[in-house]
Amino acid sequence: MTGPAAARVEPLAPADVERLRALAAAAGLPAAGIGEPPGRYWVARGPAASGAEAIIGGVGLERYRDQGLLRSLVVAAEARGRGVGTALLAAAQAAARESALREVVLLTATAAGFFRRHGFEPVPRSALAGPVATAPEVTELCPETATVLRWRPVPEVLFVCVHNAGRSQMAAALLEHRARGRVRVRSAGSEPASALHPGVLAAMAEIGLDLRDRRPALLTDAAARSADVVVTMGCGDACPIYPGTRHLDWAVPDPAGLPLEAVRPIRDAIDRRVRELLTTVA
């Protein structure tokens, strides 16, 4: 890969580990663990101050199940302002997409503006959840004052209602159908029922969406924290609000116990809202 600064980005070779660690340490970044599992690392090669080709930057992406931790993005002082950091970040983001990571997070004390220009959004440290929250860089190596940022290759939407047996299930199925992989979709309920409402199954089957294998799920703290957008549909105070998450509340009638002819307009109203939502998240 050739970046805009005529730097060549390539996987880190064992012989280059110490050089990359030295670059990170010189920039005040954590160097411990660079080049070791569970990370993938890349370096940028290009003209150094002497004019000879050398390692002028590097970056790592550590995988924690479906999460990634971007770490130690560093560019040598003489190579800054030449697009090397952008080329390195692009390599890591491409790898995250190829690995189907749900999200990539990082901590930075000095470069929040750079990462925000490349699609990362600041989130409270309390929003970190899952295995990445226990990574050494999060718990030990970075100061408490570091800014936490998050980037998602695919945005995540969570639909919530009380029983997760009607409205939220229809909304999730409709968004999945219309997004065609551009959005990760989930649904849950604060008091999940044992099965979906028969009228909901029939109404969705009419438009070619088979929900017979779906089951109501319990709303969890982790699910709500991990979503980019939470859409609530009548669950009131049982639906928590978290900083860093976009919240919408849709006033849609409950289809529970209604005949098919009464569920159809509810389905169609949800579909209109889903189409509008899709224009803002994908």
Protein backbone atom coordinates (compact mmCIF):
# COMPACT_ATOMS: atom_id res chain seq x y z
CA MET A 1 0.00 0.00 0.00
CA THR A 2 1.34 3.44 -0.87
CA GLY A 3 0.21 6.37 1.20
CA PRO A 4 -0.06 10.00 0.10
CA ALA A 5 3.38 10.73 1.56
CA ALA A 6 5.15 8.12 -0.59
CA ALA A 7 5.40 5.96 2.52
CA ARG A 8 5.04 2.23 2.08
CA VAL A 9 2.80 0.60 4.68
CA GLU A 10 3.49 -3.07 5.36
CA PRO A 11 3.09 -5.62 8.16
CA LEU A 12 5.56 -5.35 11.00
CA ALA A 13 8.50 -7.75 10.64
CA PRO A 14 10.17 -9.28 13.73
CA ALA A 15 13.39 -7.41 12.92
CA ASP A 16 11.55 -4.07 13.14
CA VAL A 17 9.83 -4.54 16.52
CA GLU A 18 12.47 -2.72 18.54
CA ARG A 19 12.52 0.23 16.14
CA LEU A 20 8.76 0.60 16.40
CA ARG A 21 8.91 0.36 20.19
CA ALA A 22 11.58 3.05 20.24
CA LEU A 23 9.44 5.33 18.05
CA ALA A 24 6.46 4.87 20.37
CA ALA A 25 8.52 5.50 23.50
CA ALA A 26 10.08 8.64 21.98
CA ALA A 27 6.57 9.97 21.31
CA GLY A 28 5.45 9.24 24.87
CA LEU A 29 3.21 6.32 23.82
CA PRO A 30 2.99 2.94 25.55
CA ALA A 31 5.59 0.64 23.98
CA ALA A 32 5.08 -2.47 26.11
CA GLY A 33 3.62 -5.35 24.15
CA ILE A 34 4.13 -3.86 20.68
CA GLY A 35 4.67 -6.69 18.22
CA GLU A 36 3.12 -9.30 20.51
CA PRO A 37 -0.25 -11.11 20.39
CA PRO A 38 -3.14 -10.36 20.26
CA GLY A 39 -2.10 -7.52 17.97
CA ARG A 40 -1.48 -6.97 14.28
CA TYR A 41 1.01 -4.24 13.53
CA TRP A 42 2.01 -2.23 10.50
CA VAL A 43 4.95 0.06 9.81
CA ALA A 44 5.44 2.87 7.32
CA ARG A 45 8.72 2.99 5.43
CA GLY A 46 9.89 6.16 3.75
CA PRO A 47 12.60 8.79 3.61
CA ALA A 48 14.03 9.63 7.03
CA ALA A 49 15.88 12.83 7.93
CA SER A 50 19.07 11.36 6.46
CA GLY A 51 17.31 10.72 3.15
CA ALA A 52 17.68 6.97 3.49
CA GLU A 53 14.61 4.76 3.71
CA ALA A 54 13.69 3.88 7.28
CA ILE A 55 10.73 3.05 9.47
CA ILE A 56 8.98 6.37 9.98
CA GLY A 57 5.78 5.24 11.66
CA GLY A 58 3.67 2.38 12.90
CA VAL A 59 0.32 1.33 14.33
CA GLY A 60 -1.23 -1.69 16.02
CA LEU A 61 -4.68 -3.25 16.13
CA GLU A 62 -5.30 -5.67 18.97
CA ARG A 63 -8.32 -7.96 18.68
CA TYR A 64 -10.58 -8.79 21.60
CA ARG A 65 -13.30 -11.05 20.19
CA ASP A 66 -15.39 -8.73 18.00
CA GLN A 67 -13.71 -5.57 19.30
CA GLY A 68 -10.45 -3.94 18.33
CA LEU A 69 -8.07 -1.70 20.24
CA LEU A 70 -6.04 0.70 18.12
CA ARG A 71 -2.74 1.39 19.80
CA SER A 72 0.50 3.28 19.42
CA LEU A 73 -0.16 5.11 16.16
CA VAL A 74 3.12 6.96 15.86
CA VAL A 75 4.91 8.95 13.17
CA ALA A 76 8.55 10.00 13.41
CA ALA A 77 8.98 13.73 13.99
CA GLU A 78 10.68 14.31 10.62
CA ALA A 79 7.82 12.57 8.76
CA ARG A 80 4.87 14.38 10.30
CA GLY A 81 2.58 16.40 8.09
CA ARG A 82 3.13 14.09 5.12
CA GLY A 83 0.04 11.88 5.48
CA VAL A 84 1.89 8.96 7.06
CA GLY A 85 -0.50 8.75 10.01
CA THR A 86 -3.49 8.72 7.67
CA ALA A 87 -1.98 5.88 5.63
CA LEU A 88 -1.28 3.83 8.76
CA LEU A 89 -4.76 4.41 10.15
CA ALA A 90 -6.30 3.40 6.82
CA ALA A 91 -4.43 0.08 6.97
CA ALA A 92 -5.74 -0.63 10.46
CA GLN A 93 -9.31 0.34 9.54
CA ALA A 94 -9.21 -1.88 6.46
CA ALA A 95 -8.08 -4.79 8.63
CA ALA A 96 -10.92 -4.11 11.07
CA ARG A 97 -13.44 -4.30 8.24
CA GLU A 98 -11.92 -7.49 6.86
CA SER A 99 -12.07 -9.05 10.33
CA ALA A 100 -15.71 -7.99 10.78
CA LEU A 101 -14.92 -6.19 14.02
CA ARG A 102 -17.92 -4.55 15.62
CA GLU A 103 -15.94 -1.57 16.87
CA VAL A 104 -12.45 -0.17 17.31
CA VAL A 105 -11.58 1.95 20.34
CA LEU A 106 -8.50 3.92 21.30
CA LEU A 107 -7.20 6.19 24.03
CA THR A 108 -5.23 9.33 23.26
CA ALA A 109 -3.92 12.25 25.26
CA THR A 110 -2.92 14.47 22.33
CA ALA A 111 -4.48 13.41 19.01
CA ALA A 112 -8.25 13.37 19.50
CA GLY A 113 -8.72 15.90 16.69
CA PHE A 114 -6.85 13.73 14.18
CA PHE A 115 -8.92 10.66 14.96
CA ARG A 116 -12.20 12.57 14.89
CA ARG A 117 -11.37 13.70 11.36
CA HIS A 118 -11.16 10.02 10.44
CA GLY A 119 -14.50 8.91 11.79
CA PHE A 120 -13.80 8.27 15.48
CA GLU A 121 -16.20 9.71 18.04
CA PRO A 122 -15.43 10.50 21.70
CA VAL A 123 -17.22 8.37 24.29
CA PRO A 124 -17.04 8.31 28.10
CA ARG A 125 -14.61 5.79 29.52
CA SER A 126 -17.63 4.26 31.26
CA ALA A 127 -19.03 3.37 27.82
CA LEU A 128 -16.26 0.84 27.26
CA ALA A 129 -17.68 -2.65 27.62
CA GLY A 130 -16.75 -6.18 26.67
CA PRO A 131 -13.26 -7.69 26.68
CA VAL A 132 -11.56 -4.57 25.32
CA ALA A 133 -12.38 -2.80 28.59
CA THR A 134 -9.92 -5.12 30.36
CA ALA A 135 -7.03 -4.55 27.93
CA PRO A 136 -3.80 -3.42 29.64
CA GLU A 137 -3.74 -0.19 27.64
CA VAL A 138 -7.16 0.67 29.05
CA THR A 139 -6.59 -0.46 32.63
CA GLU A 140 -2.88 0.25 33.17
CA LEU A 141 -0.92 1.97 30.41
CA CYS A 142 -2.94 5.07 29.49
CA PRO A 143 -3.68 7.88 31.97
CA GLU A 144 -7.18 8.47 33.29
CA THR A 145 -7.14 11.83 31.51
CA ALA A 146 -6.80 10.20 28.07
CA THR A 147 -9.70 10.71 25.66
CA VAL A 148 -11.56 7.56 24.65
CA LEU A 149 -12.71 7.40 21.03
CA ARG A 150 -14.69 4.77 19.15
CA TRP A 151 -15.09 3.93 15.47
CA ARG A 152 -17.50 1.43 14.01
CA PRO A 153 -17.10 -0.04 10.54
CA VAL A 154 -20.84 -0.72 10.67
CA PRO A 155 -23.14 1.33 12.96
CA GLU A 156 -25.26 -0.53 15.50
CA VAL A 157 -28.94 0.11 16.22
CA LEU A 158 -30.87 -1.37 19.14
CA PHE A 159 -34.69 -1.39 19.19
CA VAL A 160 -36.32 -1.71 22.61
CA CYS A 161 -39.90 -2.20 23.79
CA VAL A 162 -41.36 -3.85 26.88
CA HIS A 163 -41.89 -7.43 25.71
CA ASN A 164 -39.74 -7.53 22.53
CA ALA A 165 -42.58 -9.40 20.92
CA GLY A 166 -44.00 -6.86 18.52
CA ARG A 167 -42.84 -3.34 17.69
CA SER A 168 -39.12 -3.76 18.33
CA GLN A 169 -39.04 -7.07 16.47
CA MET A 170 -40.75 -5.57 13.43
CA ALA A 171 -38.44 -2.57 13.46
CA ALA A 172 -35.33 -4.76 13.70
CA ALA A 173 -36.44 -7.02 10.86
CA LEU A 174 -37.35 -4.09 8.63
CA LEU A 175 -34.05 -2.30 9.23
CA GLU A 176 -32.07 -5.49 8.58
CA HIS A 177 -33.99 -5.97 5.34
CA ARG A 178 -33.52 -2.42 4.11
CA ALA A 179 -29.95 -1.90 5.30
CA ARG A 180 -28.62 -5.06 3.61
CA GLY A 181 -25.63 -5.37 5.87
CA ARG A 182 -24.88 -1.66 6.24
CA VAL A 183 -26.19 -1.61 9.82
CA ARG A 184 -25.87 -4.08 12.69
CA VAL A 185 -29.35 -4.50 14.20
CA ARG A 186 -30.56 -5.91 17.51
CA SER A 187 -33.73 -5.80 19.56
CA ALA A 188 -34.58 -6.45 23.20
CA GLY A 189 -37.25 -5.98 25.85
CA SER A 190 -37.29 -4.82 29.45
CA GLU A 191 -39.72 -7.68 30.28
CA PRO A 192 -39.41 -10.13 27.35
CA ALA A 193 -42.35 -12.34 26.49
CA SER A 194 -42.09 -16.01 25.62
CA ALA A 195 -42.88 -15.58 21.91
CA LEU A 196 -43.72 -13.02 19.22
CA HIS A 197 -47.34 -11.95 18.77
CA PRO A 198 -49.19 -13.99 16.09
CA GLY A 199 -50.43 -10.85 14.36
CA VAL A 200 -46.86 -9.57 14.06
CA LEU A 201 -45.70 -12.84 12.50
CA ALA A 202 -48.55 -12.71 9.98
CA ALA A 203 -48.05 -9.04 9.09
CA MET A 204 -44.33 -9.50 8.47
CA ALA A 205 -44.87 -12.70 6.49
CA GLU A 206 -47.13 -10.70 4.15
CA ILE A 207 -44.13 -8.64 3.05
CA GLY A 208 -41.78 -11.60 2.79
CA LEU A 209 -40.08 -11.41 6.20
CA ASP A 210 -40.21 -14.64 8.21
CA LEU A 211 -39.85 -14.01 11.94
CA ARG A 212 -40.88 -17.48 13.14
CA ASP A 213 -37.37 -18.32 14.39
CA ARG A 214 -36.97 -15.13 16.41
CA ARG A 215 -37.34 -15.06 20.19
CA PRO A 216 -37.76 -12.14 22.60
CA ALA A 217 -34.50 -11.17 24.35
CA LEU A 218 -33.81 -9.40 27.63
CA LEU A 219 -32.46 -5.86 27.48
CA THR A 220 -28.98 -5.80 29.04
CA ASP A 221 -26.79 -2.95 30.15
CA ALA A 222 -24.04 -4.10 27.78
CA ALA A 223 -26.38 -4.13 24.76
CA ALA A 224 -27.60 -0.61 25.45
CA ARG A 225 -24.08 0.74 26.02
CA SER A 226 -22.70 -0.79 22.84
CA ALA A 227 -25.33 0.64 20.47
CA ASP A 228 -24.78 3.79 18.43
CA VAL A 229 -28.53 4.39 18.33
CA VAL A 230 -31.15 3.13 20.79
CA VAL A 231 -34.76 3.39 19.64
CA THR A 232 -37.29 2.96 22.44
CA MET A 233 -40.91 2.10 21.77
CA GLY A 234 -43.00 2.38 24.89
CA CYS A 235 -40.71 0.99 27.61
CA GLY A 236 -40.57 4.21 29.63
CA ASP A 237 -38.16 4.38 32.54
CA ALA A 238 -37.07 0.76 32.00
CA CYS A 239 -35.06 1.95 28.99
CA PRO A 240 -31.81 3.48 30.26
CA ILE A 241 -30.06 6.44 28.63
CA TYR A 242 -26.28 6.40 28.27
CA PRO A 243 -23.89 9.23 27.38
CA GLY A 244 -22.42 8.92 23.90
CA THR A 245 -25.45 7.06 22.53
CA ARG A 246 -28.09 8.60 20.29
CA HIS A 247 -31.58 7.99 21.68
CA LEU A 248 -34.87 8.11 19.80
CA ASP A 249 -38.37 7.41 21.11
CA TRP A 250 -41.01 6.28 18.65
CA ALA A 251 -44.64 6.62 19.72
CA VAL A 252 -46.07 3.54 17.98
CA PRO A 253 -49.16 1.59 19.11
CA ASP A 254 -48.64 -1.83 20.70
CA PRO A 255 -49.80 -4.62 18.36
CA ALA A 256 -50.32 -7.12 21.19
CA GLY A 257 -53.64 -8.94 20.78
CA LEU A 258 -54.60 -7.05 17.63
CA PRO A 259 -55.90 -8.76 14.47
CA LEU A 260 -53.87 -8.72 11.28
CA GLU A 261 -55.80 -5.83 9.74
CA ALA A 262 -54.92 -3.66 12.77
CA VAL A 263 -51.24 -4.69 12.81
CA ARG A 264 -50.67 -3.74 9.17
CA PRO A 265 -50.81 0.05 9.70
CA ILE A 266 -48.48 -0.28 12.71
CA ARG A 267 -46.04 -2.26 10.58
CA ASP A 268 -46.20 0.34 7.84
CA ALA A 269 -45.72 3.24 10.27
CA ILE A 270 -42.63 1.53 11.67
CA ASP A 271 -41.34 0.94 8.17
CA ARG A 272 -41.61 4.64 7.35
CA ARG A 273 -39.60 5.51 10.44
CA VAL A 274 -37.05 2.82 9.64
CA ARG A 275 -36.53 4.22 6.14
CA GLU A 276 -35.94 7.68 7.63
CA LEU A 277 -33.57 6.31 10.27
CA LEU A 278 -31.55 4.48 7.64
CA THR A 279 -30.74 7.76 5.88
CA THR A 280 -29.00 9.00 9.03
CA VAL A 281 -27.03 5.93 10.10
CA ALA A 282 -25.78 4.30 6.88
